[in-house]
Amino acid sequence: MMNPRSLSPAGCRSCPSFRLSGRESLTAAKQMPVKGGWRSLVALFLPGFLFALGLTGLWKTDVRFAWLGEVGRYPGELWIVAVSGTLATLAGVGDWVGHRRMGCRISQGERRIEFLALAGGGVPLFFLMAWASLVDSPLPFVVPILVAGTAITVLICYDEFVFHRKRCRKLETLLHRTLVFGNALAWLSWVHWIFVKGPAYHA
């Protein structure tokens, strides 16, 4: 008799979703959404898009950011945000494409954790950082930003160790690490830009 697990998508045979025995594994797999929906792709590009849109708006409306019109005056932190953020986004796109091609399905638990990391941590953190970039004294934002950053870290670690650590192949793991650490480096550079040099600082 054919093992039902052999019918599961190639990239997901070791997923927790496929550890059920017999026909239950196929039934559970069919009920789970395919990983890599369009909402995930939109969410992947949203932070970088909003960051670039915000800088463009500040360049045109705030004299403190007039230096954005001269590339040679860009601070090092801005370059780090641009490079690491781009690498993280490309890694995320590669992971998204790979999951869709393999037809990998994920559990509701994993989807819930990823949504919480984005909506419960990422969105508030982004707007806190943006707000702190516009005020003359950003120090009152330190604690809220650290709280949001800690929440995201906990959720990402849970997602990685519970759902990804055992199922992911080497390439998928590399893409995940690039996505996570690339975004982390971009965030830390933004933090340094705001709280050490001041948001209106330029080279």
C-alpha atoms as a PDB file:
ATOM      1  CA  MET A   1       0.000   0.000   0.000  1.00  0.00           C
ATOM      2  CA  MET A   2       1.329   3.450  -0.938  1.00  0.00           C
ATOM      3  CA  ASN A   3       2.452   5.615   1.956  1.00  0.00           C
ATOM      4  CA  PRO A   4       0.268   8.777   1.997  1.00  0.00           C
ATOM      5  CA  ARG A   5       3.297  10.838   2.958  1.00  0.00           C
ATOM      6  CA  SER A   6       4.851  10.117  -0.418  1.00  0.00           C
ATOM      7  CA  LEU A   7       2.017  12.109  -1.985  1.00  0.00           C
ATOM      8  CA  SER A   8       2.777  15.254  -0.020  1.00  0.00           C
ATOM      9  CA  PRO A   9       4.678  18.147  -1.633  1.00  0.00           C
ATOM     10  CA  ALA A  10       8.385  17.354  -1.879  1.00  0.00           C
ATOM     11  CA  GLY A  11       9.528  20.302   0.170  1.00  0.00           C
ATOM     12  CA  CYS A  12       7.098  19.683   3.015  1.00  0.00           C
ATOM     13  CA  ARG A  13       7.466  15.982   3.848  1.00  0.00           C
ATOM     14  CA  SER A  14       9.201  16.830   7.094  1.00  0.00           C
ATOM     15  CA  CYS A  15       6.786  19.634   8.064  1.00  0.00           C
ATOM     16  CA  PRO A  16       4.879  19.202  11.341  1.00  0.00           C
ATOM     17  CA  SER A  17       1.776  19.405   9.147  1.00  0.00           C
ATOM     18  CA  PHE A  18       2.618  16.037   7.579  1.00  0.00           C
ATOM     19  CA  ARG A  19       3.494  14.102  10.708  1.00  0.00           C
ATOM     20  CA  LEU A  20       0.021  12.647  11.043  1.00  0.00           C
ATOM     21  CA  SER A  21      -0.323   9.034  10.055  1.00  0.00           C
ATOM     22  CA  GLY A  22      -2.393   7.408   7.324  1.00  0.00           C
ATOM     23  CA  ARG A  23      -5.077   9.273   5.430  1.00  0.00           C
ATOM     24  CA  GLU A  24      -5.217  11.982   8.107  1.00  0.00           C
ATOM     25  CA  SER A  25      -1.974  13.442   6.785  1.00  0.00           C
ATOM     26  CA  LEU A  26      -3.453  13.978   3.324  1.00  0.00           C
ATOM     27  CA  THR A  27      -6.695  15.371   4.709  1.00  0.00           C
ATOM     28  CA  ALA A  28      -4.891  17.790   7.008  1.00  0.00           C
ATOM     29  CA  ALA A  29      -2.545  18.884   4.217  1.00  0.00           C
ATOM     30  CA  LYS A  30      -5.393  19.659   1.833  1.00  0.00           C
ATOM     31  CA  GLN A  31      -7.086  21.815   4.452  1.00  0.00           C
ATOM     32  CA  MET A  32      -3.990  23.961   4.987  1.00  0.00           C
ATOM     33  CA  PRO A  33      -3.313  27.039   2.856  1.00  0.00           C
ATOM     34  CA  VAL A  34      -0.367  27.048   0.464  1.00  0.00           C
ATOM     35  CA  LYS A  35       2.535  28.994   1.901  1.00  0.00           C
ATOM     36  CA  GLY A  36       3.493  32.094  -0.058  1.00  0.00           C
ATOM     37  CA  GLY A  37       0.164  33.861  -0.629  1.00  0.00           C
ATOM     38  CA  TRP A  38       0.031  37.231  -2.322  1.00  0.00           C
ATOM     39  CA  ARG A  39      -0.524  38.965   1.012  1.00  0.00           C
ATOM     40  CA  SER A  40       2.860  37.681   2.156  1.00  0.00           C
ATOM     41  CA  LEU A  41       4.523  39.138  -0.938  1.00  0.00           C
ATOM     42  CA  VAL A  42       2.852  42.520  -0.428  1.00  0.00           C
ATOM     43  CA  ALA A  43       3.897  42.535   3.231  1.00  0.00           C
ATOM     44  CA  LEU A  44       7.447  41.762   2.145  1.00  0.00           C
ATOM     45  CA  PHE A  45       7.732  44.876  -0.022  1.00  0.00           C
ATOM     46  CA  LEU A  46       5.657  47.190   2.187  1.00  0.00           C
ATOM     47  CA  PRO A  47       8.338  48.349   4.722  1.00  0.00           C
ATOM     48  CA  GLY A  48      10.889  49.283   2.064  1.00  0.00           C
ATOM     49  CA  PHE A  49       8.246  50.984  -0.057  1.00  0.00           C
ATOM     50  CA  LEU A  50       6.941  53.041   2.871  1.00  0.00           C
ATOM     51  CA  PHE A  51      10.489  53.935   3.968  1.00  0.00           C
ATOM     52  CA  ALA A  52      11.418  55.200   0.489  1.00  0.00           C
ATOM     53  CA  LEU A  53       8.073  56.993   0.134  1.00  0.00           C
ATOM     54  CA  GLY A  54       8.548  58.682   3.497  1.00  0.00           C
ATOM     55  CA  LEU A  55      12.054  59.901   2.641  1.00  0.00           C
ATOM     56  CA  THR A  56      10.820  61.245  -0.682  1.00  0.00           C
ATOM     57  CA  GLY A  57       8.044  63.129   1.060  1.00  0.00           C
ATOM     58  CA  LEU A  58      10.445  64.584   3.638  1.00  0.00           C
ATOM     59  CA  TRP A  59      12.871  65.647   0.931  1.00  0.00           C
ATOM     60  CA  LYS A  60      10.146  67.682  -0.750  1.00  0.00           C
ATOM     61  CA  THR A  61       8.423  69.098   2.344  1.00  0.00           C
ATOM     62  CA  ASP A  62      10.981  69.377   5.179  1.00  0.00           C
ATOM     63  CA  VAL A  63      14.040  71.637   4.804  1.00  0.00           C
ATOM     64  CA  ARG A  64      15.904  69.505   7.360  1.00  0.00           C
ATOM     65  CA  PHE A  65      15.983  66.701   4.792  1.00  0.00           C
ATOM     66  CA  ALA A  66      16.930  68.791   1.758  1.00  0.00           C
ATOM     67  CA  TRP A  67      20.254  66.896   1.677  1.00  0.00           C
ATOM     68  CA  LEU A  68      18.359  63.850   0.354  1.00  0.00           C
ATOM     69  CA  GLY A  69      18.640  65.479  -3.057  1.00  0.00           C
ATOM     70  CA  GLU A  70      22.437  64.990  -2.962  1.00  0.00           C
ATOM     71  CA  VAL A  71      23.526  61.352  -2.906  1.00  0.00           C
ATOM     72  CA  GLY A  72      27.035  62.265  -1.778  1.00  0.00           C
ATOM     73  CA  ARG A  73      25.649  63.575   1.528  1.00  0.00           C
ATOM     74  CA  TYR A  74      23.806  60.384   2.474  1.00  0.00           C
ATOM     75  CA  PRO A  75      24.859  59.048   5.920  1.00  0.00           C
ATOM     76  CA  GLY A  76      26.342  55.567   6.188  1.00  0.00           C
ATOM     77  CA  GLU A  77      23.283  54.342   8.064  1.00  0.00           C
ATOM     78  CA  LEU A  78      21.051  55.099   5.100  1.00  0.00           C
ATOM     79  CA  TRP A  79      23.272  53.054   2.795  1.00  0.00           C
ATOM     80  CA  ILE A  80      23.226  50.147   5.240  1.00  0.00           C
ATOM     81  CA  VAL A  81      19.424  50.311   5.439  1.00  0.00           C
ATOM     82  CA  ALA A  82      19.201  50.325   1.648  1.00  0.00           C
ATOM     83  CA  VAL A  83      21.643  47.453   1.030  1.00  0.00           C
ATOM     84  CA  SER A  84      20.653  45.135   3.881  1.00  0.00           C
ATOM     85  CA  GLY A  85      16.953  45.832   3.370  1.00  0.00           C
ATOM     86  CA  THR A  86      17.244  45.033  -0.342  1.00  0.00           C
ATOM     87  CA  LEU A  87      19.107  41.776   0.344  1.00  0.00           C
ATOM     88  CA  ALA A  88      16.490  40.792   2.915  1.00  0.00           C
ATOM     89  CA  THR A  89      13.675  41.529   0.473  1.00  0.00           C
ATOM     90  CA  LEU A  90      15.328  39.513  -2.308  1.00  0.00           C
ATOM     91  CA  ALA A  91      15.806  36.593   0.085  1.00  0.00           C
ATOM     92  CA  GLY A  92      12.154  36.829   1.065  1.00  0.00           C
ATOM     93  CA  VAL A  93      11.092  36.793  -2.581  1.00  0.00           C
ATOM     94  CA  GLY A  94      13.289  33.748  -3.210  1.00  0.00           C
ATOM     95  CA  ASP A  95      11.720  31.954  -0.252  1.00  0.00           C
ATOM     96  CA  TRP A  96       8.214  32.936  -1.420  1.00  0.00           C
ATOM     97  CA  VAL A  97       8.830  31.666  -4.956  1.00  0.00           C
ATOM     98  CA  GLY A  98      10.376  28.448  -3.670  1.00  0.00           C
ATOM     99  CA  HIS A  99       7.409  27.652  -1.435  1.00  0.00           C
ATOM    100  CA  ARG A 100       4.914  28.267  -4.230  1.00  0.00           C
ATOM    101  CA  ARG A 101       6.799  26.055  -6.649  1.00  0.00           C
ATOM    102  CA  MET A 102       6.941  23.233  -4.111  1.00  0.00           C
ATOM    103  CA  GLY A 103       3.292  23.744  -3.151  1.00  0.00           C
ATOM    104  CA  CYS A 104       4.342  23.774   0.497  1.00  0.00           C
ATOM    105  CA  ARG A 105       1.466  24.048   2.952  1.00  0.00           C
ATOM    106  CA  ILE A 106       1.667  25.403   6.481  1.00  0.00           C
ATOM    107  CA  SER A 107      -0.370  24.987   9.607  1.00  0.00           C
ATOM    108  CA  GLN A 108      -2.704  27.618  11.019  1.00  0.00           C
ATOM    109  CA  GLY A 109      -0.358  27.927  13.997  1.00  0.00           C
ATOM    110  CA  GLU A 110       2.578  28.960  11.827  1.00  0.00           C
ATOM    111  CA  ARG A 111       0.433  31.366   9.830  1.00  0.00           C
ATOM    112  CA  ARG A 112      -0.849  32.904  13.068  1.00  0.00           C
ATOM    113  CA  ILE A 113       2.670  33.441  14.436  1.00  0.00           C
ATOM    114  CA  GLU A 114       3.860  35.031  11.202  1.00  0.00           C
ATOM    115  CA  PHE A 115       0.829  37.340  11.165  1.00  0.00           C
ATOM    116  CA  LEU A 116       1.448  38.362  14.776  1.00  0.00           C
ATOM    117  CA  ALA A 117       5.090  39.115  14.007  1.00  0.00           C
ATOM    118  CA  LEU A 118       4.027  41.408  11.169  1.00  0.00           C
ATOM    119  CA  ALA A 119       0.820  43.003  12.458  1.00  0.00           C
ATOM    120  CA  GLY A 120       1.542  42.834  16.188  1.00  0.00           C
ATOM    121  CA  GLY A 121       5.175  43.848  16.043  1.00  0.00           C
ATOM    122  CA  GLY A 122       6.399  44.930  12.632  1.00  0.00           C
ATOM    123  CA  VAL A 123       3.713  47.494  11.818  1.00  0.00           C
ATOM    124  CA  PRO A 124       3.797  49.262  15.221  1.00  0.00           C
ATOM    125  CA  LEU A 125       7.607  49.209  15.186  1.00  0.00           C
ATOM    126  CA  PHE A 126       7.772  50.792  11.743  1.00  0.00           C
ATOM    127  CA  PHE A 127       5.436  53.649  12.653  1.00  0.00           C
ATOM    128  CA  LEU A 128       7.191  54.213  15.988  1.00  0.00           C
ATOM    129  CA  MET A 129      10.495  54.490  14.134  1.00  0.00           C
ATOM    130  CA  ALA A 130       8.967  56.812  11.554  1.00  0.00           C
ATOM    131  CA  TRP A 131       7.480  59.027  14.265  1.00  0.00           C
ATOM    132  CA  ALA A 132      10.769  59.123  16.152  1.00  0.00           C
ATOM    133  CA  SER A 133      12.464  60.239  12.934  1.00  0.00           C
ATOM    134  CA  LEU A 134      10.298  63.356  12.742  1.00  0.00           C
ATOM    135  CA  VAL A 135      10.559  64.760  16.260  1.00  0.00           C
ATOM    136  CA  ASP A 136      13.378  66.885  17.653  1.00  0.00           C
ATOM    137  CA  SER A 137      13.747  64.707  20.776  1.00  0.00           C
ATOM    138  CA  PRO A 138      13.191  60.990  20.002  1.00  0.00           C
ATOM    139  CA  LEU A 139      14.240  59.694  23.460  1.00  0.00           C
ATOM    140  CA  PRO A 140      10.626  59.101  24.669  1.00  0.00           C
ATOM    141  CA  PHE A 141      10.320  56.510  21.898  1.00  0.00           C
ATOM    142  CA  VAL A 142      13.174  54.331  23.173  1.00  0.00           C
ATOM    143  CA  VAL A 143      11.108  52.082  25.449  1.00  0.00           C
ATOM    144  CA  PRO A 144       8.153  51.553  23.055  1.00  0.00           C
ATOM    145  CA  ILE A 145      10.577  50.743  20.232  1.00  0.00           C
ATOM    146  CA  LEU A 146      12.488  48.264  22.409  1.00  0.00           C
ATOM    147  CA  VAL A 147       9.238  46.606  23.493  1.00  0.00           C
ATOM    148  CA  ALA A 148       8.061  46.222  19.889  1.00  0.00           C
ATOM    149  CA  GLY A 149      11.487  44.980  18.810  1.00  0.00           C
ATOM    150  CA  THR A 150      11.568  42.418  21.621  1.00  0.00           C
ATOM    151  CA  ALA A 151       8.092  41.169  20.710  1.00  0.00           C
ATOM    152  CA  ILE A 152       9.153  40.636  17.091  1.00  0.00           C
ATOM    153  CA  THR A 153      12.314  38.832  18.193  1.00  0.00           C
ATOM    154  CA  VAL A 154      10.351  36.423  20.383  1.00  0.00           C
ATOM    155  CA  LEU A 155       7.838  35.656  17.631  1.00  0.00           C
ATOM    156  CA  ILE A 156      10.532  35.160  14.987  1.00  0.00           C
ATOM    157  CA  CYS A 157      12.514  32.840  17.263  1.00  0.00           C
ATOM    158  CA  TYR A 158       9.388  30.825  17.997  1.00  0.00           C
ATOM    159  CA  ASP A 159       8.597  30.562  14.294  1.00  0.00           C
ATOM    160  CA  GLU A 160      12.147  29.508  13.432  1.00  0.00           C
ATOM    161  CA  PHE A 161      12.679  26.947  16.201  1.00  0.00           C
ATOM    162  CA  VAL A 162       9.199  25.428  16.218  1.00  0.00           C
ATOM    163  CA  PHE A 163       8.223  25.428  12.546  1.00  0.00           C
ATOM    164  CA  HIS A 164      11.352  25.945  10.444  1.00  0.00           C
ATOM    165  CA  ARG A 165      14.315  24.364  12.205  1.00  0.00           C
ATOM    166  CA  LYS A 166      13.553  20.733  11.369  1.00  0.00           C
ATOM    167  CA  ARG A 167      11.787  21.032   8.037  1.00  0.00           C
ATOM    168  CA  CYS A 168      13.868  23.539   6.111  1.00  0.00           C
ATOM    169  CA  ARG A 169      16.585  22.581   3.659  1.00  0.00           C
ATOM    170  CA  LYS A 170      19.923  24.395   3.470  1.00  0.00           C
ATOM    171  CA  LEU A 171      18.868  26.871   0.788  1.00  0.00           C
ATOM    172  CA  GLU A 172      15.603  27.692   2.550  1.00  0.00           C
ATOM    173  CA  THR A 173      17.454  28.146   5.833  1.00  0.00           C
ATOM    174  CA  LEU A 174      19.937  30.491   4.134  1.00  0.00           C
ATOM    175  CA  LEU A 175      17.105  32.551   2.684  1.00  0.00           C
ATOM    176  CA  HIS A 176      15.379  32.740   6.078  1.00  0.00           C
ATOM    177  CA  ARG A 177      18.583  33.836   7.805  1.00  0.00           C
ATOM    178  CA  THR A 178      19.257  36.478   5.146  1.00  0.00           C
ATOM    179  CA  LEU A 179      15.707  37.790   5.471  1.00  0.00           C
ATOM    180  CA  VAL A 180      15.795  37.949   9.271  1.00  0.00           C
ATOM    181  CA  PHE A 181      19.321  39.285   9.767  1.00  0.00           C
ATOM    182  CA  GLY A 182      19.091  41.653   6.810  1.00  0.00           C
ATOM    183  CA  ASN A 183      15.998  43.298   8.266  1.00  0.00           C
ATOM    184  CA  ALA A 184      17.583  43.303  11.726  1.00  0.00           C
ATOM    185  CA  LEU A 185      20.664  45.111  10.421  1.00  0.00           C
ATOM    186  CA  ALA A 186      18.509  47.639   8.593  1.00  0.00           C
ATOM    187  CA  TRP A 187      16.511  48.281  11.768  1.00  0.00           C
ATOM    188  CA  LEU A 188      19.639  48.682  13.935  1.00  0.00           C
ATOM    189  CA  SER A 189      21.094  51.137  11.420  1.00  0.00           C
ATOM    190  CA  TRP A 190      17.876  53.141  11.511  1.00  0.00           C
ATOM    191  CA  VAL A 191      17.972  53.117  15.324  1.00  0.00           C
ATOM    192  CA  HIS A 192      21.570  54.398  15.299  1.00  0.00           C
ATOM    193  CA  TRP A 193      20.630  57.078  12.789  1.00  0.00           C
ATOM    194  CA  ILE A 194      17.772  58.334  14.981  1.00  0.00           C
ATOM    195  CA  PHE A 195      19.145  58.088  18.510  1.00  0.00           C
ATOM    196  CA  VAL A 196      22.854  58.676  17.967  1.00  0.00           C
ATOM    197  CA  LYS A 197      23.170  61.058  15.052  1.00  0.00           C
ATOM    198  CA  GLY A 198      19.666  62.467  14.802  1.00  0.00           C
ATOM    199  CA  PRO A 199      17.274  61.801  11.894  1.00  0.00           C
ATOM    200  CA  ALA A 200      18.167  65.011  10.064  1.00  0.00           C
ATOM    201  CA  TYR A 201      21.890  64.188  10.172  1.00  0.00           C
ATOM    202  CA  HIS A 202      23.743  63.811   6.884  1.00  0.00           C
ATOM    203  CA  ALA A 203      27.326  63.007   5.927  1.00  0.00           C
END
